[in-house]
Amino acid sequence: MSLIAQITTDMITAQKAGQAPKLAALRYLRAGLLARAKDLRQETLDDTEAQTVIQKEIKKHRDSITAYTAGNRPELAASEQAELDIIAAYLPPSLTEAEIGEIIDKVITAQNLTPPYDFGRLMGPVMKEIGARADGNLVKALIQKKIGT
């Protein structure tokens, strides 16, 4: 079952069960997925593209949580966190730092790079390999740590 089909099924289940917060989060997510498909002029998205959209939605929720916390609005931050938890369940498990480090080493080896490493030549291929399985900021920090900048 595709990711979008799973989200639609879960949305129907949440509606039948009367789970309003989950239903709202899934409707919002599904609307984002359908909007992205429309932007790409496709009928549906493949799972990889859907995961990218979900990553972006998670980033939006994290930014909102930060803003609400800074604005002393803990009730809104808690609501955003609950939606984030629901949405994050549709992503594959995140890679560990060690696994990301292995991918960085693999890219360095595949491209026959020698020190000093160029951040720009590493970040693109590493993110292409990792996809939505890790946060871009974490990958950036690990690459910078690896190359010593």
N, C-alpha and C. Protein backbone atom coordinates (compact mmCIF):
# COMPACT_ATOMS: atom_id res chain seq x y z
N MET A 1 0.85 -1.17 0.00
CA MET A 1 0.00 0.00 0.00
C MET A 1 0.90 1.24 0.00
N SER A 2 0.58 2.19 -0.86
CA SER A 2 1.38 3.41 -0.93
C SER A 2 1.17 4.25 0.33
N LEU A 3 2.08 5.18 0.52
CA LEU A 3 2.04 6.03 1.70
C LEU A 3 0.78 6.90 1.71
N ILE A 4 0.42 7.43 0.56
CA ILE A 4 -0.78 8.27 0.49
C ILE A 4 -2.04 7.44 0.76
N ALA A 5 -2.08 6.22 0.25
CA ALA A 5 -3.23 5.34 0.50
C ALA A 5 -3.32 5.00 1.99
N GLN A 6 -2.17 4.78 2.62
CA GLN A 6 -2.16 4.48 4.06
C GLN A 6 -2.67 5.68 4.87
N ILE A 7 -2.25 6.88 4.49
CA ILE A 7 -2.70 8.08 5.19
C ILE A 7 -4.21 8.26 5.01
N THR A 8 -4.71 8.01 3.81
CA THR A 8 -6.14 8.12 3.54
C THR A 8 -6.93 7.11 4.37
N THR A 9 -6.43 5.88 4.42
CA THR A 9 -7.09 4.84 5.22
C THR A 9 -7.11 5.21 6.70
N ASP A 10 -5.97 5.70 7.20
CA ASP A 10 -5.89 6.10 8.60
C ASP A 10 -6.79 7.30 8.89
N MET A 11 -6.94 8.18 7.91
CA MET A 11 -7.81 9.34 8.07
C MET A 11 -9.26 8.89 8.20
N ILE A 12 -9.68 7.94 7.39
CA ILE A 12 -11.04 7.41 7.46
C ILE A 12 -11.26 6.72 8.81
N THR A 13 -10.27 5.95 9.24
CA THR A 13 -10.37 5.26 10.53
C THR A 13 -10.49 6.26 11.67
N ALA A 14 -9.70 7.33 11.63
CA ALA A 14 -9.75 8.36 12.68
C ALA A 14 -11.10 9.06 12.68
N GLN A 15 -11.66 9.27 11.49
CA GLN A 15 -12.96 9.92 11.40
C GLN A 15 -14.04 9.03 12.01
N LYS A 16 -14.00 7.75 11.71
CA LYS A 16 -14.99 6.82 12.25
C LYS A 16 -14.86 6.67 13.76
N ALA A 17 -13.63 6.77 14.25
CA ALA A 17 -13.38 6.61 15.69
C ALA A 17 -13.59 7.91 16.46
N GLY A 18 -13.82 9.01 15.75
CA GLY A 18 -14.04 10.28 16.42
C GLY A 18 -12.78 10.90 17.00
N GLN A 19 -11.65 10.61 16.40
CA GLN A 19 -10.36 11.14 16.87
C GLN A 19 -10.07 12.45 16.13
N ALA A 20 -10.64 13.53 16.63
CA ALA A 20 -10.58 14.82 15.94
C ALA A 20 -9.15 15.33 15.74
N PRO A 21 -8.27 15.30 16.75
CA PRO A 21 -6.92 15.82 16.52
C PRO A 21 -6.15 15.03 15.45
N LYS A 22 -6.27 13.72 15.49
CA LYS A 22 -5.58 12.90 14.50
C LYS A 22 -6.17 13.14 13.12
N LEU A 23 -7.47 13.24 13.03
CA LEU A 23 -8.14 13.49 11.77
C LEU A 23 -7.68 14.82 11.17
N ALA A 24 -7.60 15.86 11.99
CA ALA A 24 -7.17 17.17 11.50
C ALA A 24 -5.73 17.13 10.99
N ALA A 25 -4.86 16.45 11.72
CA ALA A 25 -3.45 16.35 11.31
C ALA A 25 -3.32 15.59 10.00
N LEU A 26 -4.07 14.51 9.86
CA LEU A 26 -3.99 13.70 8.63
C LEU A 26 -4.62 14.43 7.44
N ARG A 27 -5.69 15.18 7.68
CA ARG A 27 -6.28 15.96 6.59
C ARG A 27 -5.29 17.02 6.10
N TYR A 28 -4.64 17.68 7.03
CA TYR A 28 -3.64 18.69 6.69
C TYR A 28 -2.49 18.08 5.89
N LEU A 29 -2.03 16.92 6.34
CA LEU A 29 -0.94 16.23 5.66
C LEU A 29 -1.36 15.78 4.27
N ARG A 30 -2.53 15.21 4.16
CA ARG A 30 -3.02 14.73 2.86
C ARG A 30 -3.20 15.89 1.89
N ALA A 31 -3.68 17.02 2.39
CA ALA A 31 -3.83 18.19 1.54
C ALA A 31 -2.47 18.65 1.01
N GLY A 32 -1.45 18.61 1.85
CA GLY A 32 -0.10 18.96 1.41
C GLY A 32 0.42 18.01 0.36
N LEU A 33 0.15 16.73 0.53
CA LEU A 33 0.58 15.73 -0.45
C LEU A 33 -0.13 15.91 -1.79
N LEU A 34 -1.43 16.16 -1.74
CA LEU A 34 -2.19 16.36 -2.97
C LEU A 34 -1.78 17.65 -3.67
N ALA A 35 -1.47 18.68 -2.89
CA ALA A 35 -1.02 19.95 -3.48
C ALA A 35 0.33 19.76 -4.19
N ARG A 36 1.21 18.98 -3.58
CA ARG A 36 2.51 18.72 -4.21
C ARG A 36 2.34 17.91 -5.50
N ALA A 37 1.45 16.95 -5.48
CA ALA A 37 1.19 16.18 -6.69
C ALA A 37 0.64 17.08 -7.79
N LYS A 38 -0.22 18.01 -7.42
CA LYS A 38 -0.78 18.94 -8.40
C LYS A 38 0.32 19.85 -8.95
N ASP A 39 1.22 20.31 -8.08
CA ASP A 39 2.34 21.15 -8.52
C ASP A 39 3.21 20.42 -9.53
N LEU A 40 3.40 19.12 -9.31
CA LEU A 40 4.22 18.31 -10.21
C LEU A 40 3.43 17.80 -11.42
N ARG A 41 2.14 18.14 -11.45
CA ARG A 41 1.24 17.70 -12.52
C ARG A 41 1.19 16.18 -12.63
N GLN A 42 1.08 15.56 -11.46
CA GLN A 42 0.95 14.11 -11.38
C GLN A 42 -0.35 13.79 -10.68
N GLU A 43 -0.82 12.57 -10.91
CA GLU A 43 -2.04 12.14 -10.24
C GLU A 43 -1.77 11.83 -8.77
N THR A 44 -0.69 11.12 -8.52
CA THR A 44 -0.28 10.82 -7.15
C THR A 44 1.24 10.93 -7.05
N LEU A 45 1.73 10.90 -5.82
CA LEU A 45 3.17 10.95 -5.57
C LEU A 45 3.67 9.55 -5.26
N ASP A 46 4.92 9.29 -5.61
CA ASP A 46 5.51 8.04 -5.18
C ASP A 46 5.93 8.22 -3.71
N ASP A 47 6.28 7.12 -3.05
CA ASP A 47 6.57 7.17 -1.63
C ASP A 47 7.77 8.06 -1.30
N THR A 48 8.76 8.11 -2.17
CA THR A 48 9.94 8.95 -1.92
C THR A 48 9.56 10.42 -1.89
N GLU A 49 8.78 10.84 -2.86
CA GLU A 49 8.34 12.24 -2.92
C GLU A 49 7.41 12.54 -1.75
N ALA A 50 6.56 11.60 -1.39
CA ALA A 50 5.66 11.78 -0.26
C ALA A 50 6.45 11.95 1.04
N GLN A 51 7.52 11.18 1.19
CA GLN A 51 8.35 11.31 2.39
C GLN A 51 9.02 12.67 2.46
N THR A 52 9.39 13.21 1.31
CA THR A 52 9.98 14.54 1.26
C THR A 52 8.97 15.59 1.73
N VAL A 53 7.73 15.46 1.28
CA VAL A 53 6.68 16.38 1.70
C VAL A 53 6.44 16.26 3.20
N ILE A 54 6.43 15.05 3.71
CA ILE A 54 6.22 14.83 5.14
C ILE A 54 7.37 15.46 5.94
N GLN A 55 8.60 15.33 5.45
CA GLN A 55 9.75 15.97 6.11
C GLN A 55 9.54 17.48 6.21
N LYS A 56 9.06 18.08 5.13
CA LYS A 56 8.83 19.53 5.12
C LYS A 56 7.74 19.91 6.12
N GLU A 57 6.70 19.10 6.20
CA GLU A 57 5.62 19.37 7.16
C GLU A 57 6.14 19.25 8.59
N ILE A 58 6.99 18.28 8.83
CA ILE A 58 7.57 18.12 10.16
C ILE A 58 8.42 19.34 10.51
N LYS A 59 9.19 19.83 9.55
CA LYS A 59 10.02 21.01 9.80
C LYS A 59 9.13 22.22 10.13
N LYS A 60 8.01 22.38 9.42
CA LYS A 60 7.08 23.47 9.72
C LYS A 60 6.56 23.36 11.15
N HIS A 61 6.21 22.14 11.56
CA HIS A 61 5.69 21.95 12.91
C HIS A 61 6.77 22.25 13.95
N ARG A 62 8.00 21.83 13.69
CA ARG A 62 9.09 22.13 14.64
C ARG A 62 9.31 23.63 14.75
N ASP A 63 9.25 24.34 13.63
CA ASP A 63 9.40 25.79 13.66
C ASP A 63 8.26 26.43 14.45
N SER A 64 7.06 25.92 14.28
CA SER A 64 5.91 26.45 15.02
C SER A 64 6.05 26.19 16.51
N ILE A 65 6.54 25.01 16.87
CA ILE A 65 6.75 24.69 18.29
C ILE A 65 7.75 25.66 18.90
N THR A 66 8.82 25.93 18.17
CA THR A 66 9.83 26.87 18.66
C THR A 66 9.23 28.26 18.84
N ALA A 67 8.44 28.71 17.87
CA ALA A 67 7.83 30.03 17.96
C ALA A 67 6.82 30.11 19.10
N TYR A 68 6.01 29.08 19.27
CA TYR A 68 5.02 29.09 20.34
C TYR A 68 5.70 29.03 21.71
N THR A 69 6.76 28.28 21.80
CA THR A 69 7.48 28.20 23.07
C THR A 69 8.11 29.56 23.41
N ALA A 70 8.70 30.20 22.41
CA ALA A 70 9.30 31.52 22.62
C ALA A 70 8.24 32.56 22.95
N GLY A 71 7.05 32.40 22.42
CA GLY A 71 5.95 33.32 22.67
C GLY A 71 5.16 32.99 23.91
N ASN A 72 5.65 32.04 24.71
CA ASN A 72 5.01 31.63 25.96
C ASN A 72 3.57 31.14 25.71
N ARG A 73 3.42 30.27 24.72
CA ARG A 73 2.13 29.66 24.40
C ARG A 73 2.26 28.14 24.46
N PRO A 74 2.43 27.58 25.66
CA PRO A 74 2.67 26.13 25.77
C PRO A 74 1.51 25.27 25.27
N GLU A 75 0.28 25.77 25.34
CA GLU A 75 -0.86 24.97 24.88
C GLU A 75 -0.81 24.79 23.37
N LEU A 76 -0.41 25.83 22.64
CA LEU A 76 -0.29 25.72 21.19
C LEU A 76 0.92 24.87 20.81
N ALA A 77 2.00 25.00 21.58
CA ALA A 77 3.18 24.17 21.33
C ALA A 77 2.85 22.70 21.54
N ALA A 78 2.07 22.39 22.56
CA ALA A 78 1.68 21.00 22.82
C ALA A 78 0.80 20.46 21.70
N SER A 79 -0.09 21.30 21.18
CA SER A 79 -0.95 20.89 20.06
C SER A 79 -0.11 20.59 18.82
N GLU A 80 0.85 21.46 18.53
CA GLU A 80 1.74 21.24 17.39
C GLU A 80 2.57 19.97 17.57
N GLN A 81 3.02 19.72 18.80
CA GLN A 81 3.82 18.53 19.08
C GLN A 81 2.98 17.27 18.86
N ALA A 82 1.72 17.32 19.26
CA ALA A 82 0.84 16.16 19.05
C ALA A 82 0.66 15.88 17.56
N GLU A 83 0.47 16.95 16.77
CA GLU A 83 0.34 16.77 15.32
C GLU A 83 1.63 16.25 14.72
N LEU A 84 2.76 16.77 15.19
CA LEU A 84 4.06 16.32 14.69
C LEU A 84 4.26 14.83 14.96
N ASP A 85 3.87 14.37 16.14
CA ASP A 85 4.00 12.95 16.47
C ASP A 85 3.16 12.08 15.54
N ILE A 86 1.97 12.55 15.20
CA ILE A 86 1.11 11.80 14.30
C ILE A 86 1.73 11.73 12.91
N ILE A 87 2.21 12.86 12.41
CA ILE A 87 2.79 12.93 11.07
C ILE A 87 4.09 12.14 10.98
N ALA A 88 4.93 12.23 12.00
CA ALA A 88 6.24 11.58 11.99
C ALA A 88 6.13 10.06 11.91
N ALA A 89 5.00 9.51 12.31
CA ALA A 89 4.81 8.06 12.28
C ALA A 89 4.82 7.52 10.85
N TYR A 90 4.66 8.38 9.85
CA TYR A 90 4.61 7.93 8.46
C TYR A 90 5.97 7.94 7.78
N LEU A 91 6.99 8.35 8.51
CA LEU A 91 8.35 8.31 7.95
C LEU A 91 9.04 7.03 8.40
N PRO A 92 9.98 6.55 7.61
CA PRO A 92 10.76 5.40 8.06
C PRO A 92 11.62 5.81 9.24
N PRO A 93 12.12 4.85 10.01
CA PRO A 93 12.96 5.20 11.16
C PRO A 93 14.17 6.02 10.71
N SER A 94 14.52 7.00 11.53
CA SER A 94 15.66 7.86 11.20
C SER A 94 16.97 7.09 11.33
N LEU A 95 17.93 7.52 10.54
CA LEU A 95 19.26 6.92 10.62
C LEU A 95 19.98 7.43 11.86
N THR A 96 20.84 6.59 12.41
CA THR A 96 21.66 7.02 13.54
C THR A 96 22.85 7.81 13.02
N GLU A 97 23.53 8.49 13.93
CA GLU A 97 24.71 9.26 13.53
C GLU A 97 25.78 8.34 12.94
N ALA A 98 25.91 7.15 13.48
CA ALA A 98 26.91 6.20 12.97
C ALA A 98 26.56 5.78 11.53
N GLU A 99 25.28 5.53 11.27
CA GLU A 99 24.86 5.15 9.92
C GLU A 99 25.08 6.30 8.94
N ILE A 100 24.81 7.52 9.37
CA ILE A 100 25.05 8.68 8.52
C ILE A 100 26.55 8.82 8.25
N GLY A 101 27.36 8.60 9.28
CA GLY A 101 28.81 8.65 9.10
C GLY A 101 29.30 7.63 8.08
N GLU A 102 28.71 6.45 8.10
CA GLU A 102 29.08 5.41 7.13
C GLU A 102 28.72 5.85 5.71
N ILE A 103 27.57 6.49 5.55
CA ILE A 103 27.16 6.97 4.24
C ILE A 103 28.10 8.07 3.76
N ILE A 104 28.51 8.96 4.66
CA ILE A 104 29.46 10.02 4.31
C ILE A 104 30.77 9.39 3.83
N ASP A 105 31.26 8.41 4.57
CA ASP A 105 32.50 7.73 4.18
C ASP A 105 32.35 7.04 2.82
N LYS A 106 31.18 6.44 2.59
CA LYS A 106 30.92 5.75 1.33
C LYS A 106 30.94 6.73 0.16
N VAL A 107 30.36 7.91 0.35
CA VAL A 107 30.35 8.93 -0.70
C VAL A 107 31.77 9.44 -0.96
N ILE A 108 32.54 9.63 0.10
CA ILE A 108 33.93 10.08 -0.06
C ILE A 108 34.71 9.06 -0.88
N THR A 109 34.53 7.78 -0.55
CA THR A 109 35.21 6.71 -1.27
C THR A 109 34.74 6.63 -2.72
N ALA A 110 33.43 6.72 -2.94
CA ALA A 110 32.88 6.60 -4.29
C ALA A 110 33.34 7.73 -5.21
N GLN A 111 33.54 8.91 -4.63
CA GLN A 111 33.95 10.06 -5.44
C GLN A 111 35.47 10.25 -5.47
N ASN A 112 36.20 9.36 -4.80
CA ASN A 112 37.66 9.44 -4.74
C ASN A 112 38.14 10.80 -4.27
N LEU A 113 37.50 11.32 -3.23
CA LEU A 113 37.86 12.62 -2.68
C LEU A 113 39.06 12.49 -1.74
N THR A 114 39.88 13.50 -1.73
CA THR A 114 41.02 13.52 -0.81
C THR A 114 40.94 14.79 0.01
N PRO A 115 41.48 14.75 1.24
CA PRO A 115 41.44 15.95 2.09
C PRO A 115 42.20 17.09 1.44
N PRO A 116 41.85 18.31 1.63
CA PRO A 116 40.67 18.78 2.35
C PRO A 116 39.40 18.57 1.52
N TYR A 117 38.36 18.12 2.19
CA TYR A 117 37.12 17.81 1.51
C TYR A 117 36.32 19.08 1.26
N ASP A 118 35.59 19.10 0.17
CA ASP A 118 34.74 20.22 -0.19
C ASP A 118 33.32 19.92 0.30
N PHE A 119 32.80 20.78 1.17
CA PHE A 119 31.48 20.57 1.74
C PHE A 119 30.42 20.44 0.64
N GLY A 120 30.47 21.31 -0.35
CA GLY A 120 29.48 21.30 -1.42
C GLY A 120 29.47 20.02 -2.24
N ARG A 121 30.65 19.41 -2.41
CA ARG A 121 30.71 18.17 -3.18
C ARG A 121 30.25 16.97 -2.36
N LEU A 122 30.15 17.15 -1.05
CA LEU A 122 29.70 16.05 -0.19
C LEU A 122 28.21 16.12 0.14
N MET A 123 27.73 17.30 0.45
CA MET A 123 26.37 17.44 0.95
C MET A 123 25.31 16.92 -0.04
N GLY A 124 25.42 17.28 -1.29
CA GLY A 124 24.42 16.86 -2.28
C GLY A 124 24.33 15.35 -2.43
N PRO A 125 25.45 14.67 -2.71
CA PRO A 125 25.37 13.21 -2.86
C PRO A 125 24.97 12.49 -1.57
N VAL A 126 25.40 13.02 -0.42
CA VAL A 126 25.03 12.38 0.85
C VAL A 126 23.54 12.50 1.07
N MET A 127 22.97 13.69 0.84
CA MET A 127 21.53 13.88 1.03
C MET A 127 20.73 13.06 0.02
N LYS A 128 21.26 12.90 -1.19
CA LYS A 128 20.58 12.07 -2.17
C LYS A 128 20.53 10.62 -1.70
N GLU A 129 21.59 10.15 -1.09
CA GLU A 129 21.66 8.78 -0.56
C GLU A 129 20.74 8.61 0.65
N ILE A 130 20.71 9.62 1.51
CA ILE A 130 19.95 9.52 2.75
C ILE A 130 18.46 9.76 2.53
N GLY A 131 18.12 10.71 1.68
CA GLY A 131 16.72 11.02 1.43
C GLY A 131 16.05 11.59 2.66
N ALA A 132 14.88 11.09 2.99
CA ALA A 132 14.11 11.60 4.12
C ALA A 132 14.36 10.81 5.40
N ARG A 133 15.43 10.02 5.41
CA ARG A 133 15.68 9.18 6.59
C ARG A 133 16.47 9.90 7.67
N ALA A 134 16.86 11.16 7.44
CA ALA A 134 17.56 11.92 8.46
C ALA A 134 17.33 13.41 8.23
N ASP A 135 17.45 14.18 9.29
CA ASP A 135 17.30 15.62 9.23
C ASP A 135 18.51 16.25 8.54
N GLY A 136 18.26 17.16 7.63
CA GLY A 136 19.34 17.80 6.89
C GLY A 136 20.32 18.55 7.77
N ASN A 137 19.83 19.15 8.86
CA ASN A 137 20.73 19.88 9.76
C ASN A 137 21.70 18.94 10.46
N LEU A 138 21.24 17.75 10.82
CA LEU A 138 22.12 16.77 11.44
C LEU A 138 23.17 16.30 10.45
N VAL A 139 22.77 16.04 9.22
CA VAL A 139 23.71 15.62 8.18
C VAL A 139 24.76 16.71 7.95
N LYS A 140 24.30 17.95 7.88
CA LYS A 140 25.22 19.08 7.69
C LYS A 140 26.24 19.13 8.82
N ALA A 141 25.77 18.99 10.06
CA ALA A 141 26.68 19.05 11.19
C ALA A 141 27.69 17.91 11.16
N LEU A 142 27.25 16.71 10.79
CA LEU A 142 28.17 15.56 10.73
C LEU A 142 29.20 15.72 9.61
N ILE A 143 28.79 16.27 8.48
CA ILE A 143 29.73 16.50 7.39
C ILE A 143 30.75 17.54 7.81
N GLN A 144 30.28 18.60 8.45
CA GLN A 144 31.20 19.65 8.90
C GLN A 144 32.19 19.10 9.94
N LYS A 145 31.70 18.24 10.80
CA LYS A 145 32.57 17.61 11.79
C LYS A 145 33.61 16.73 11.09
N LYS A 146 33.18 16.00 10.08
CA LYS A 146 34.07 15.10 9.33
C LYS A 146 35.15 15.85 8.59
N ILE A 147 34.79 16.97 7.98
CA ILE A 147 35.77 17.70 7.19
C ILE A 147 36.52 18.76 8.00
N GLY A 148 36.10 18.94 9.25
CA GLY A 148 36.83 19.85 10.14
C GLY A 148 36.56 21.32 9.95
N THR A 149 35.34 21.68 9.58
CA THR A 149 35.03 23.11 9.47
C THR A 149 34.11 23.55 10.57
